[in-house]
Amino acid sequence: RRPCHGDDARRAADPHWRDLLLFHEYFHGETGQGLGASHQTGWTALVIRHVEDLARHRNK
């Protein structure tokens, strides 16, 4: 059982879900359950990658 999944038994037992790790905006201070958006995971890294690419091309 992972604290970020809270009491969701499906994510603890189902082989298709148990290894899925979601990165939430914030977590419950006492239980560790993930709260807030998790659907935005990866967007920040994608944007940073494009900003880096733009900077590289401008510096050539």
PDB file of N, CA and C in Angstrom:
ATOM      1  N   ARG A   1       0.837  -1.186   0.000  1.00  0.00           N
ATOM      2  CA  ARG A   1       0.000   0.000   0.000  1.00  0.00           C
ATOM      3  C   ARG A   1       0.875   1.241   0.000  1.00  0.00           C
ATOM      4  N   ARG A   2       0.564   2.162  -0.886  1.00  0.00           N
ATOM      5  CA  ARG A   2       1.300   3.419  -0.960  1.00  0.00           C
ATOM      6  C   ARG A   2       0.436   4.534  -0.372  1.00  0.00           C
ATOM      7  N   PRO A   3       0.998   5.335   0.507  1.00  0.00           N
ATOM      8  CA  PRO A   3       0.208   6.398   1.121  1.00  0.00           C
ATOM      9  C   PRO A   3      -0.437   7.342   0.105  1.00  0.00           C
ATOM     10  N   CYS A   4       0.221   7.583  -1.012  1.00  0.00           N
ATOM     11  CA  CYS A   4      -0.330   8.528  -1.991  1.00  0.00           C
ATOM     12  C   CYS A   4      -1.627   8.032  -2.619  1.00  0.00           C
ATOM     13  N   HIS A   5      -1.907   6.722  -2.536  1.00  0.00           N
ATOM     14  CA  HIS A   5      -3.136   6.174  -3.101  1.00  0.00           C
ATOM     15  C   HIS A   5      -4.281   6.157  -2.101  1.00  0.00           C
ATOM     16  N   GLY A   6      -4.019   6.524  -0.871  1.00  0.00           N
ATOM     17  CA  GLY A   6      -5.074   6.561   0.139  1.00  0.00           C
ATOM     18  C   GLY A   6      -5.670   5.185   0.371  1.00  0.00           C
ATOM     19  N   ASP A   7      -6.984   5.122   0.462  1.00  0.00           N
ATOM     20  CA  ASP A   7      -7.681   3.861   0.737  1.00  0.00           C
ATOM     21  C   ASP A   7      -8.183   3.174  -0.527  1.00  0.00           C
ATOM     22  N   ASP A   8      -7.675   3.539  -1.678  1.00  0.00           N
ATOM     23  CA  ASP A   8      -8.110   2.951  -2.944  1.00  0.00           C
ATOM     24  C   ASP A   8      -7.532   1.543  -3.077  1.00  0.00           C
ATOM     25  N   ALA A   9      -8.345   0.531  -2.765  1.00  0.00           N
ATOM     26  CA  ALA A   9      -7.888  -0.864  -2.775  1.00  0.00           C
ATOM     27  C   ALA A   9      -7.458  -1.312  -4.171  1.00  0.00           C
ATOM     28  N   ARG A  10      -8.077  -0.771  -5.199  1.00  0.00           N
ATOM     29  CA  ARG A  10      -7.732  -1.154  -6.573  1.00  0.00           C
ATOM     30  C   ARG A  10      -6.252  -0.884  -6.844  1.00  0.00           C
ATOM     31  N   ARG A  11      -5.766   0.228  -6.378  1.00  0.00           N
ATOM     32  CA  ARG A  11      -4.369   0.581  -6.639  1.00  0.00           C
ATOM     33  C   ARG A  11      -3.399  -0.195  -5.767  1.00  0.00           C
ATOM     34  N   ALA A  12      -3.886  -0.807  -4.726  1.00  0.00           N
ATOM     35  CA  ALA A  12      -3.023  -1.609  -3.858  1.00  0.00           C
ATOM     36  C   ALA A  12      -2.935  -3.057  -4.329  1.00  0.00           C
ATOM     37  N   ALA A  13      -4.007  -3.592  -4.918  1.00  0.00           N
ATOM     38  CA  ALA A  13      -4.057  -5.017  -5.235  1.00  0.00           C
ATOM     39  C   ALA A  13      -4.025  -5.338  -6.728  1.00  0.00           C
ATOM     40  N   ASP A  14      -4.626  -4.523  -7.549  1.00  0.00           N
ATOM     41  CA  ASP A  14      -4.729  -4.809  -8.982  1.00  0.00           C
ATOM     42  C   ASP A  14      -3.356  -4.697  -9.650  1.00  0.00           C
ATOM     43  N   PRO A  15      -2.897  -5.747 -10.331  1.00  0.00           N
ATOM     44  CA  PRO A  15      -1.566  -5.710 -10.951  1.00  0.00           C
ATOM     45  C   PRO A  15      -1.422  -4.631 -12.027  1.00  0.00           C
ATOM     46  N   HIS A  16      -2.533  -4.166 -12.575  1.00  0.00           N
ATOM     47  CA  HIS A  16      -2.471  -3.118 -13.592  1.00  0.00           C
ATOM     48  C   HIS A  16      -2.337  -1.726 -12.980  1.00  0.00           C
ATOM     49  N   TRP A  17      -2.635  -1.600 -11.705  1.00  0.00           N
ATOM     50  CA  TRP A  17      -2.614  -0.294 -11.047  1.00  0.00           C
ATOM     51  C   TRP A  17      -1.574  -0.170  -9.943  1.00  0.00           C
ATOM     52  N   ARG A  18      -1.176  -1.282  -9.326  1.00  0.00           N
ATOM     53  CA  ARG A  18      -0.373  -1.192  -8.101  1.00  0.00           C
ATOM     54  C   ARG A  18       0.995  -0.547  -8.279  1.00  0.00           C
ATOM     55  N   ASP A  19       1.561  -0.602  -9.476  1.00  0.00           N
ATOM     56  CA  ASP A  19       2.867   0.020  -9.696  1.00  0.00           C
ATOM     57  C   ASP A  19       2.765   1.420 -10.301  1.00  0.00           C
ATOM     58  N   LEU A  20       1.546   1.908 -10.489  1.00  0.00           N
ATOM     59  CA  LEU A  20       1.341   3.246 -11.032  1.00  0.00           C
ATOM     60  C   LEU A  20       1.613   4.282  -9.945  1.00  0.00           C
ATOM     61  N   LEU A  21       2.513   5.182 -10.226  1.00  0.00           N
ATOM     62  CA  LEU A  21       2.809   6.258  -9.284  1.00  0.00           C
ATOM     63  C   LEU A  21       2.333   7.572  -9.879  1.00  0.00           C
ATOM     64  N   LEU A  22       1.478   8.246  -9.161  1.00  0.00           N
ATOM     65  CA  LEU A  22       0.992   9.545  -9.603  1.00  0.00           C
ATOM     66  C   LEU A  22       1.708  10.635  -8.819  1.00  0.00           C
ATOM     67  N   PHE A  23       1.970  11.721  -9.474  1.00  0.00           N
ATOM     68  CA  PHE A  23       2.614  12.856  -8.825  1.00  0.00           C
ATOM     69  C   PHE A  23       1.579  13.957  -8.696  1.00  0.00           C
ATOM     70  N   HIS A  24       1.119  14.156  -7.490  1.00  0.00           N
ATOM     71  CA  HIS A  24       0.062  15.125  -7.229  1.00  0.00           C
ATOM     72  C   HIS A  24       0.648  16.493  -6.914  1.00  0.00           C
ATOM     73  N   GLU A  25      -0.213  17.497  -6.960  1.00  0.00           N
ATOM     74  CA  GLU A  25       0.213  18.860  -6.628  1.00  0.00           C
ATOM     75  C   GLU A  25       0.640  18.966  -5.172  1.00  0.00           C
ATOM     76  N   TYR A  26      -0.090  18.286  -4.308  1.00  0.00           N
ATOM     77  CA  TYR A  26       0.234  18.330  -2.884  1.00  0.00           C
ATOM     78  C   TYR A  26      -0.303  17.071  -2.215  1.00  0.00           C
ATOM     79  N   PHE A  27       0.078  16.865  -0.973  1.00  0.00           N
ATOM     80  CA  PHE A  27      -0.265  15.645  -0.252  1.00  0.00           C
ATOM     81  C   PHE A  27      -0.858  15.984   1.110  1.00  0.00           C
ATOM     82  N   HIS A  28      -1.728  15.099   1.587  1.00  0.00           N
ATOM     83  CA  HIS A  28      -2.332  15.256   2.905  1.00  0.00           C
ATOM     84  C   HIS A  28      -1.224  15.139   3.948  1.00  0.00           C
ATOM     85  N   GLY A  29      -1.154  16.075   4.858  1.00  0.00           N
ATOM     86  CA  GLY A  29      -0.074  16.126   5.839  1.00  0.00           C
ATOM     87  C   GLY A  29      -0.027  14.963   6.803  1.00  0.00           C
ATOM     88  N   GLU A  30      -1.158  14.346   7.099  1.00  0.00           N
ATOM     89  CA  GLU A  30      -1.178  13.258   8.076  1.00  0.00           C
ATOM     90  C   GLU A  30      -1.200  11.879   7.432  1.00  0.00           C
ATOM     91  N   THR A  31      -1.889  11.732   6.310  1.00  0.00           N
ATOM     92  CA  THR A  31      -2.014  10.406   5.696  1.00  0.00           C
ATOM     93  C   THR A  31      -1.068  10.192   4.524  1.00  0.00           C
ATOM     94  N   GLY A  32      -0.601  11.265   3.915  1.00  0.00           N
ATOM     95  CA  GLY A  32       0.265  11.144   2.745  1.00  0.00           C
ATOM     96  C   GLY A  32      -0.485  10.932   1.449  1.00  0.00           C
ATOM     97  N   GLN A  33      -1.833  10.901   1.508  1.00  0.00           N
ATOM     98  CA  GLN A  33      -2.628  10.688   0.301  1.00  0.00           C
ATOM     99  C   GLN A  33      -2.433  11.849  -0.664  1.00  0.00           C
ATOM    100  N   GLY A  34      -2.248  11.507  -1.942  1.00  0.00           N
ATOM    101  CA  GLY A  34      -2.080  12.521  -2.966  1.00  0.00           C
ATOM    102  C   GLY A  34      -3.357  13.306  -3.188  1.00  0.00           C
ATOM    103  N   LEU A  35      -3.234  14.614  -3.273  1.00  0.00           N
ATOM    104  CA  LEU A  35      -4.379  15.497  -3.478  1.00  0.00           C
ATOM    105  C   LEU A  35      -4.058  16.461  -4.610  1.00  0.00           C
ATOM    106  N   GLY A  36      -5.066  17.070  -5.137  1.00  0.00           N
ATOM    107  CA  GLY A  36      -4.844  18.033  -6.210  1.00  0.00           C
ATOM    108  C   GLY A  36      -4.610  17.337  -7.536  1.00  0.00           C
ATOM    109  N   ALA A  37      -4.280  18.119  -8.517  1.00  0.00           N
ATOM    110  CA  ALA A  37      -4.141  17.611  -9.882  1.00  0.00           C
ATOM    111  C   ALA A  37      -2.984  16.631 -10.011  1.00  0.00           C
ATOM    112  N   SER A  38      -3.234  15.557 -10.726  1.00  0.00           N
ATOM    113  CA  SER A  38      -2.161  14.630 -11.081  1.00  0.00           C
ATOM    114  C   SER A  38      -2.056  14.530 -12.592  1.00  0.00           C
ATOM    115  N   HIS A  39      -3.034  15.087 -13.292  1.00  0.00           N
ATOM    116  CA  HIS A  39      -3.080  14.971 -14.747  1.00  0.00           C
ATOM    117  C   HIS A  39      -2.081  15.882 -15.445  1.00  0.00           C
ATOM    118  N   GLN A  40      -1.447  16.772 -14.705  1.00  0.00           N
ATOM    119  CA  GLN A  40      -0.517  17.705 -15.325  1.00  0.00           C
ATOM    120  C   GLN A  40       0.926  17.221 -15.253  1.00  0.00           C
ATOM    121  N   THR A  41       1.133  16.049 -14.722  1.00  0.00           N
ATOM    122  CA  THR A  41       2.476  15.513 -14.584  1.00  0.00           C
ATOM    123  C   THR A  41       3.162  15.457 -15.939  1.00  0.00           C
ATOM    124  N   GLY A  42       4.336  16.001 -16.011  1.00  0.00           N
ATOM    125  CA  GLY A  42       5.104  15.951 -17.244  1.00  0.00           C
ATOM    126  C   GLY A  42       5.080  17.240 -18.039  1.00  0.00           C
ATOM    127  N   TRP A  43       4.059  18.060 -17.858  1.00  0.00           N
ATOM    128  CA  TRP A  43       3.977  19.300 -18.631  1.00  0.00           C
ATOM    129  C   TRP A  43       5.120  20.243 -18.309  1.00  0.00           C
ATOM    130  N   THR A  44       5.473  20.345 -17.051  1.00  0.00           N
ATOM    131  CA  THR A  44       6.552  21.252 -16.674  1.00  0.00           C
ATOM    132  C   THR A  44       7.854  20.830 -17.334  1.00  0.00           C
ATOM    133  N   ALA A  45       8.150  19.547 -17.291  1.00  0.00           N
ATOM    134  CA  ALA A  45       9.379  19.049 -17.909  1.00  0.00           C
ATOM    135  C   ALA A  45       9.364  19.280 -19.415  1.00  0.00           C
ATOM    136  N   LEU A  46       8.222  19.105 -20.036  1.00  0.00           N
ATOM    137  CA  LEU A  46       8.109  19.322 -21.475  1.00  0.00           C
ATOM    138  C   LEU A  46       8.356  20.788 -21.829  1.00  0.00           C
ATOM    139  N   VAL A  47       7.769  21.686 -21.066  1.00  0.00           N
ATOM    140  CA  VAL A  47       7.955  23.115 -21.318  1.00  0.00           C
ATOM    141  C   VAL A  47       9.413  23.507 -21.112  1.00  0.00           C
ATOM    142  N   ILE A  48      10.022  23.025 -20.047  1.00  0.00           N
ATOM    143  CA  ILE A  48      11.430  23.337 -19.779  1.00  0.00           C
ATOM    144  C   ILE A  48      12.303  22.844 -20.922  1.00  0.00           C
ATOM    145  N   ARG A  49      12.011  21.669 -21.427  1.00  0.00           N
ATOM    146  CA  ARG A  49      12.787  21.124 -22.551  1.00  0.00           C
ATOM    147  C   ARG A  49      12.708  22.051 -23.763  1.00  0.00           C
ATOM    148  N   HIS A  50      11.532  22.555 -24.055  1.00  0.00           N
ATOM    149  CA  HIS A  50      11.378  23.459 -25.199  1.00  0.00           C
ATOM    150  C   HIS A  50      12.069  24.801 -24.955  1.00  0.00           C
ATOM    151  N   VAL A  51      12.019  25.294 -23.739  1.00  0.00           N
ATOM    152  CA  VAL A  51      12.719  26.540 -23.409  1.00  0.00           C
ATOM    153  C   VAL A  51      14.225  26.344 -23.582  1.00  0.00           C
ATOM    154  N   GLU A  52      14.735  25.203 -23.140  1.00  0.00           N
ATOM    155  CA  GLU A  52      16.161  24.910 -23.323  1.00  0.00           C
ATOM    156  C   GLU A  52      16.524  24.845 -24.806  1.00  0.00           C
ATOM    157  N   ASP A  53      15.675  24.192 -25.596  1.00  0.00           N
ATOM    158  CA  ASP A  53      15.925  24.106 -27.041  1.00  0.00           C
ATOM    159  C   ASP A  53      15.950  25.491 -27.675  1.00  0.00           C
ATOM    160  N   LEU A  54      15.005  26.347 -27.296  1.00  0.00           N
ATOM    161  CA  LEU A  54      14.979  27.713 -27.827  1.00  0.00           C
ATOM    162  C   LEU A  54      16.247  28.474 -27.451  1.00  0.00           C
ATOM    163  N   ALA A  55      16.674  28.330 -26.210  1.00  0.00           N
ATOM    164  CA  ALA A  55      17.881  29.021 -25.752  1.00  0.00           C
ATOM    165  C   ALA A  55      19.105  28.536 -26.517  1.00  0.00           C
ATOM    166  N   ARG A  56      19.192  27.236 -26.767  1.00  0.00           N
ATOM    167  CA  ARG A  56      20.321  26.692 -27.521  1.00  0.00           C
ATOM    168  C   ARG A  56      20.363  27.257 -28.935  1.00  0.00           C
ATOM    169  N   HIS A  57      19.222  27.339 -29.579  1.00  0.00           N
ATOM    170  CA  HIS A  57      19.162  27.845 -30.954  1.00  0.00           C
ATOM    171  C   HIS A  57      19.471  29.338 -31.019  1.00  0.00           C
ATOM    172  N   ARG A  58      19.083  30.078 -30.018  1.00  0.00           N
ATOM    173  CA  ARG A  58      19.360  31.522 -29.996  1.00  0.00           C
ATOM    174  C   ARG A  58      20.833  31.809 -29.753  1.00  0.00           C
ATOM    175  N   ASN A  59      21.500  30.924 -29.047  1.00  0.00           N
ATOM    176  CA  ASN A  59      22.910  31.136 -28.712  1.00  0.00           C
ATOM    177  C   ASN A  59      23.861  30.662 -29.807  1.00  0.00           C
ATOM    178  N   LYS A  60      23.339  30.115 -30.886  1.00  0.00           N
ATOM    179  CA  LYS A  60      24.202  29.632 -31.976  1.00  0.00           C
ATOM    180  C   LYS A  60      24.659  30.770 -32.846  1.00  0.00           C
TER     181      LYS A  60
END
